[in-house]
Amino acid sequence: MGSRTYSLAAIFALAAISFTMAHASSQTQISLASFGNTDIDLAWSDQDRIIKSWTSFSNFNPSDGSFTMQIVQSETGKVVADSTIQLITQSKSSAIDFNSFVMYMVSAEDICQNEKFDAETSAWQECNPLTGQYEMHVSTNDGSVVESTTFTIVDSRV
């Protein structure tokens, strides 16, 4: 009975090691799920003009560095905002899974068609905002994995 237990333990350990090694060599996965409002009205206060996405990262190797978040105006393909998502972890693992909110606050500087618009000296009315559908893209640092979610910007002030 004792050798049978050791054999089962050895088979389990071998299977666990194989699974861990296969998991570590797999490509990073990203999934996004919109959280909260996906229709943003420019008439709302700043704190209500935030796009939130619940983001799951799987099999991420911390040595790969960071992720990128871009906001793209769907109709024109113009990237209106671009930022880096830095992962801070104590993990020494070559493959970790984690969840996080990725957020973007809609700002006049990003969506104005008036290129001379300065939010510090100009009113929103001078902005001539580009309303419509936008996409939030979250990707690996090298761009090999990209996931997106959409949202709409409307302006009820006009």
C-alpha atoms as a PDB file:
ATOM      1  CA  MET A   1       0.000   0.000   0.000  1.00  0.00           C
ATOM      2  CA  GLY A   2       2.892   2.347   0.800  1.00  0.00           C
ATOM      3  CA  SER A   3       4.504   2.063  -2.656  1.00  0.00           C
ATOM      4  CA  ARG A   4       1.120   2.646  -4.288  1.00  0.00           C
ATOM      5  CA  THR A   5       0.728   5.910  -2.341  1.00  0.00           C
ATOM      6  CA  TYR A   6       4.215   7.030  -3.411  1.00  0.00           C
ATOM      7  CA  SER A   7       3.419   6.168  -7.032  1.00  0.00           C
ATOM      8  CA  LEU A   8       0.219   8.219  -6.934  1.00  0.00           C
ATOM      9  CA  ALA A   9       2.055  11.114  -5.279  1.00  0.00           C
ATOM     10  CA  ALA A  10       4.809  10.951  -7.914  1.00  0.00           C
ATOM     11  CA  ILE A  11       2.268  10.888 -10.764  1.00  0.00           C
ATOM     12  CA  PHE A  12       0.403  13.846  -9.234  1.00  0.00           C
ATOM     13  CA  ALA A  13       3.658  15.797  -8.758  1.00  0.00           C
ATOM     14  CA  LEU A  14       4.717  15.076 -12.339  1.00  0.00           C
ATOM     15  CA  ALA A  15       1.310  16.187 -13.646  1.00  0.00           C
ATOM     16  CA  ALA A  16       1.459  19.367 -11.526  1.00  0.00           C
ATOM     17  CA  ILE A  17       4.952  20.190 -12.781  1.00  0.00           C
ATOM     18  CA  SER A  18       3.892  19.586 -16.397  1.00  0.00           C
ATOM     19  CA  PHE A  19       0.829  21.807 -15.945  1.00  0.00           C
ATOM     20  CA  THR A  20       2.901  24.574 -14.313  1.00  0.00           C
ATOM     21  CA  MET A  21       5.512  24.468 -17.071  1.00  0.00           C
ATOM     22  CA  ALA A  22       2.849  24.480 -19.801  1.00  0.00           C
ATOM     23  CA  HIS A  23       1.089  27.379 -18.094  1.00  0.00           C
ATOM     24  CA  ALA A  24       4.345  29.333 -17.787  1.00  0.00           C
ATOM     25  CA  SER A  25       5.126  28.970 -21.495  1.00  0.00           C
ATOM     26  CA  SER A  26       1.627  30.056 -22.628  1.00  0.00           C
ATOM     27  CA  GLN A  27       1.002  33.496 -24.071  1.00  0.00           C
ATOM     28  CA  THR A  28      -0.364  36.261 -21.868  1.00  0.00           C
ATOM     29  CA  GLN A  29      -4.157  36.561 -22.028  1.00  0.00           C
ATOM     30  CA  ILE A  30      -6.218  39.724 -21.461  1.00  0.00           C
ATOM     31  CA  SER A  31      -9.976  40.003 -21.077  1.00  0.00           C
ATOM     32  CA  LEU A  32     -11.990  43.200 -20.603  1.00  0.00           C
ATOM     33  CA  ALA A  33     -15.496  43.660 -19.256  1.00  0.00           C
ATOM     34  CA  SER A  34     -17.112  47.094 -19.160  1.00  0.00           C
ATOM     35  CA  PHE A  35     -18.041  48.159 -15.653  1.00  0.00           C
ATOM     36  CA  GLY A  36     -20.575  50.916 -15.045  1.00  0.00           C
ATOM     37  CA  ASN A  37     -21.602  53.453 -17.669  1.00  0.00           C
ATOM     38  CA  THR A  38     -20.657  52.847 -21.281  1.00  0.00           C
ATOM     39  CA  ASP A  39     -22.469  56.008 -22.428  1.00  0.00           C
ATOM     40  CA  ILE A  40     -20.679  59.104 -21.170  1.00  0.00           C
ATOM     41  CA  ASP A  41     -22.353  62.519 -21.322  1.00  0.00           C
ATOM     42  CA  LEU A  42     -20.051  65.543 -21.396  1.00  0.00           C
ATOM     43  CA  ALA A  43     -22.663  67.404 -19.326  1.00  0.00           C
ATOM     44  CA  TRP A  44     -21.804  65.182 -16.351  1.00  0.00           C
ATOM     45  CA  SER A  45     -19.285  66.148 -13.677  1.00  0.00           C
ATOM     46  CA  ASP A  46     -15.668  64.971 -14.022  1.00  0.00           C
ATOM     47  CA  GLN A  47     -15.978  61.999 -11.664  1.00  0.00           C
ATOM     48  CA  ASP A  48     -18.932  60.672 -13.680  1.00  0.00           C
ATOM     49  CA  ARG A  49     -17.039  60.813 -16.990  1.00  0.00           C
ATOM     50  CA  ILE A  50     -14.873  57.804 -16.159  1.00  0.00           C
ATOM     51  CA  ILE A  51     -14.793  54.687 -18.311  1.00  0.00           C
ATOM     52  CA  LYS A  52     -14.073  51.605 -16.201  1.00  0.00           C
ATOM     53  CA  SER A  53     -13.119  48.172 -17.424  1.00  0.00           C
ATOM     54  CA  TRP A  54     -12.643  45.130 -15.207  1.00  0.00           C
ATOM     55  CA  THR A  55      -9.524  43.635 -16.710  1.00  0.00           C
ATOM     56  CA  SER A  56      -8.165  40.132 -16.186  1.00  0.00           C
ATOM     57  CA  PHE A  57      -4.564  39.387 -17.036  1.00  0.00           C
ATOM     58  CA  SER A  58      -3.522  35.733 -17.193  1.00  0.00           C
ATOM     59  CA  ASN A  59      -0.108  34.182 -17.526  1.00  0.00           C
ATOM     60  CA  PHE A  60       1.694  37.530 -17.320  1.00  0.00           C
ATOM     61  CA  ASN A  61       5.457  37.411 -16.882  1.00  0.00           C
ATOM     62  CA  PRO A  62       6.473  40.406 -14.691  1.00  0.00           C
ATOM     63  CA  SER A  63       9.791  40.618 -16.543  1.00  0.00           C
ATOM     64  CA  ASP A  64       7.783  41.621 -19.653  1.00  0.00           C
ATOM     65  CA  GLY A  65       7.247  45.000 -18.016  1.00  0.00           C
ATOM     66  CA  SER A  66       3.942  46.683 -18.629  1.00  0.00           C
ATOM     67  CA  PHE A  67       0.696  46.909 -20.573  1.00  0.00           C
ATOM     68  CA  THR A  68      -0.587  49.726 -22.751  1.00  0.00           C
ATOM     69  CA  MET A  69      -4.018  51.375 -22.697  1.00  0.00           C
ATOM     70  CA  GLN A  70      -5.194  53.408 -25.692  1.00  0.00           C
ATOM     71  CA  ILE A  71      -8.426  55.298 -26.285  1.00  0.00           C
ATOM     72  CA  VAL A  72      -9.314  55.319 -29.988  1.00  0.00           C
ATOM     73  CA  GLN A  73     -12.063  57.289 -31.748  1.00  0.00           C
ATOM     74  CA  SER A  74     -13.783  54.527 -33.742  1.00  0.00           C
ATOM     75  CA  GLU A  75     -14.845  56.569 -36.770  1.00  0.00           C
ATOM     76  CA  THR A  76     -11.463  58.166 -37.440  1.00  0.00           C
ATOM     77  CA  GLY A  77      -9.110  55.577 -35.882  1.00  0.00           C
ATOM     78  CA  LYS A  78      -7.363  58.448 -34.097  1.00  0.00           C
ATOM     79  CA  VAL A  79      -5.629  57.523 -30.822  1.00  0.00           C
ATOM     80  CA  VAL A  80      -6.790  60.256 -28.435  1.00  0.00           C
ATOM     81  CA  ALA A  81      -5.112  58.946 -25.267  1.00  0.00           C
ATOM     82  CA  ASP A  82      -2.257  56.558 -24.629  1.00  0.00           C
ATOM     83  CA  SER A  83      -0.864  55.412 -21.302  1.00  0.00           C
ATOM     84  CA  THR A  84       1.223  52.680 -19.729  1.00  0.00           C
ATOM     85  CA  ILE A  85      -0.112  50.307 -17.096  1.00  0.00           C
ATOM     86  CA  GLN A  86       2.746  49.414 -14.769  1.00  0.00           C
ATOM     87  CA  LEU A  87       2.451  46.188 -12.828  1.00  0.00           C
ATOM     88  CA  ILE A  88       4.046  46.233  -9.416  1.00  0.00           C
ATOM     89  CA  THR A  89       4.391  42.787  -7.916  1.00  0.00           C
ATOM     90  CA  GLN A  90       6.514  40.945  -5.391  1.00  0.00           C
ATOM     91  CA  SER A  91       6.013  37.706  -7.327  1.00  0.00           C
ATOM     92  CA  LYS A  92       9.082  35.919  -8.613  1.00  0.00           C
ATOM     93  CA  SER A  93       6.892  33.647 -10.723  1.00  0.00           C
ATOM     94  CA  SER A  94       7.298  33.662 -14.481  1.00  0.00           C
ATOM     95  CA  ALA A  95       3.516  33.571 -14.919  1.00  0.00           C
ATOM     96  CA  ILE A  96       0.979  35.346 -12.714  1.00  0.00           C
ATOM     97  CA  ASP A  97      -2.744  36.005 -12.990  1.00  0.00           C
ATOM     98  CA  PHE A  98      -4.356  39.179 -11.670  1.00  0.00           C
ATOM     99  CA  ASN A  99      -7.396  41.419 -12.045  1.00  0.00           C
ATOM    100  CA  SER A 100      -7.570  45.183 -12.036  1.00  0.00           C
ATOM    101  CA  PHE A 101      -9.744  48.095 -13.030  1.00  0.00           C
ATOM    102  CA  VAL A 102      -8.402  50.033 -15.988  1.00  0.00           C
ATOM    103  CA  MET A 103      -9.942  53.510 -16.010  1.00  0.00           C
ATOM    104  CA  TYR A 104      -9.973  56.521 -18.280  1.00  0.00           C
ATOM    105  CA  MET A 105     -11.527  59.898 -17.502  1.00  0.00           C
ATOM    106  CA  VAL A 106     -12.855  61.583 -20.635  1.00  0.00           C
ATOM    107  CA  SER A 107     -11.081  64.932 -20.926  1.00  0.00           C
ATOM    108  CA  ALA A 108     -11.584  67.870 -23.248  1.00  0.00           C
ATOM    109  CA  GLU A 109      -7.972  67.818 -24.400  1.00  0.00           C
ATOM    110  CA  ASP A 110      -8.394  64.281 -25.705  1.00  0.00           C
ATOM    111  CA  ILE A 111     -11.643  64.632 -27.650  1.00  0.00           C
ATOM    112  CA  CYS A 112     -11.621  68.218 -28.955  1.00  0.00           C
ATOM    113  CA  GLN A 113     -11.596  68.841 -32.672  1.00  0.00           C
ATOM    114  CA  ASN A 114     -10.257  72.338 -31.987  1.00  0.00           C
ATOM    115  CA  GLU A 115      -6.512  71.640 -31.808  1.00  0.00           C
ATOM    116  CA  LYS A 116      -5.812  75.004 -30.149  1.00  0.00           C
ATOM    117  CA  PHE A 117      -8.117  74.186 -27.228  1.00  0.00           C
ATOM    118  CA  ASP A 118      -6.494  74.636 -23.805  1.00  0.00           C
ATOM    119  CA  ALA A 119      -8.599  73.372 -20.895  1.00  0.00           C
ATOM    120  CA  GLU A 120      -6.823  75.726 -18.483  1.00  0.00           C
ATOM    121  CA  THR A 121      -7.823  78.866 -20.370  1.00  0.00           C
ATOM    122  CA  SER A 122     -10.821  77.842 -22.488  1.00  0.00           C
ATOM    123  CA  ALA A 123     -14.371  76.772 -21.701  1.00  0.00           C
ATOM    124  CA  TRP A 124     -15.734  73.357 -22.776  1.00  0.00           C
ATOM    125  CA  GLN A 125     -18.016  75.176 -25.247  1.00  0.00           C
ATOM    126  CA  GLU A 126     -14.957  76.161 -27.308  1.00  0.00           C
ATOM    127  CA  CYS A 127     -13.844  72.554 -27.522  1.00  0.00           C
ATOM    128  CA  ASN A 128     -16.130  71.284 -30.314  1.00  0.00           C
ATOM    129  CA  PRO A 129     -15.929  67.721 -28.933  1.00  0.00           C
ATOM    130  CA  LEU A 130     -15.869  64.712 -31.208  1.00  0.00           C
ATOM    131  CA  THR A 131     -18.778  62.638 -29.923  1.00  0.00           C
ATOM    132  CA  GLY A 132     -19.581  59.092 -30.973  1.00  0.00           C
ATOM    133  CA  GLN A 133     -18.148  55.665 -30.395  1.00  0.00           C
ATOM    134  CA  TYR A 134     -14.737  55.087 -28.833  1.00  0.00           C
ATOM    135  CA  GLU A 135     -12.723  51.996 -27.987  1.00  0.00           C
ATOM    136  CA  MET A 136     -10.497  51.234 -25.027  1.00  0.00           C
ATOM    137  CA  HIS A 137      -7.638  48.961 -26.112  1.00  0.00           C
ATOM    138  CA  VAL A 138      -5.490  47.182 -23.535  1.00  0.00           C
ATOM    139  CA  SER A 139      -2.474  45.361 -24.940  1.00  0.00           C
ATOM    140  CA  THR A 140       0.760  43.706 -23.972  1.00  0.00           C
ATOM    141  CA  ASN A 141       3.828  45.901 -24.138  1.00  0.00           C
ATOM    142  CA  ASP A 142       4.854  44.394 -27.484  1.00  0.00           C
ATOM    143  CA  GLY A 143       1.308  44.632 -28.903  1.00  0.00           C
ATOM    144  CA  SER A 144       1.019  40.879 -29.434  1.00  0.00           C
ATOM    145  CA  VAL A 145      -2.222  40.612 -27.410  1.00  0.00           C
ATOM    146  CA  VAL A 146      -4.912  43.296 -27.693  1.00  0.00           C
ATOM    147  CA  GLU A 147      -8.399  43.310 -26.166  1.00  0.00           C
ATOM    148  CA  SER A 148     -10.981  46.070 -26.554  1.00  0.00           C
ATOM    149  CA  THR A 149     -14.217  47.370 -25.152  1.00  0.00           C
ATOM    150  CA  THR A 150     -16.380  50.155 -26.586  1.00  0.00           C
ATOM    151  CA  PHE A 151     -18.097  53.195 -25.128  1.00  0.00           C
ATOM    152  CA  THR A 152     -20.001  56.196 -26.467  1.00  0.00           C
ATOM    153  CA  ILE A 153     -19.521  59.891 -25.785  1.00  0.00           C
ATOM    154  CA  VAL A 154     -22.551  62.157 -26.145  1.00  0.00           C
ATOM    155  CA  ASP A 155     -23.000  65.867 -25.448  1.00  0.00           C
ATOM    156  CA  SER A 156     -26.447  66.824 -24.152  1.00  0.00           C
ATOM    157  CA  ARG A 157     -25.328  70.433 -23.562  1.00  0.00           C
ATOM    158  CA  VAL A 158     -25.986  71.320 -27.204  1.00  0.00           C
END
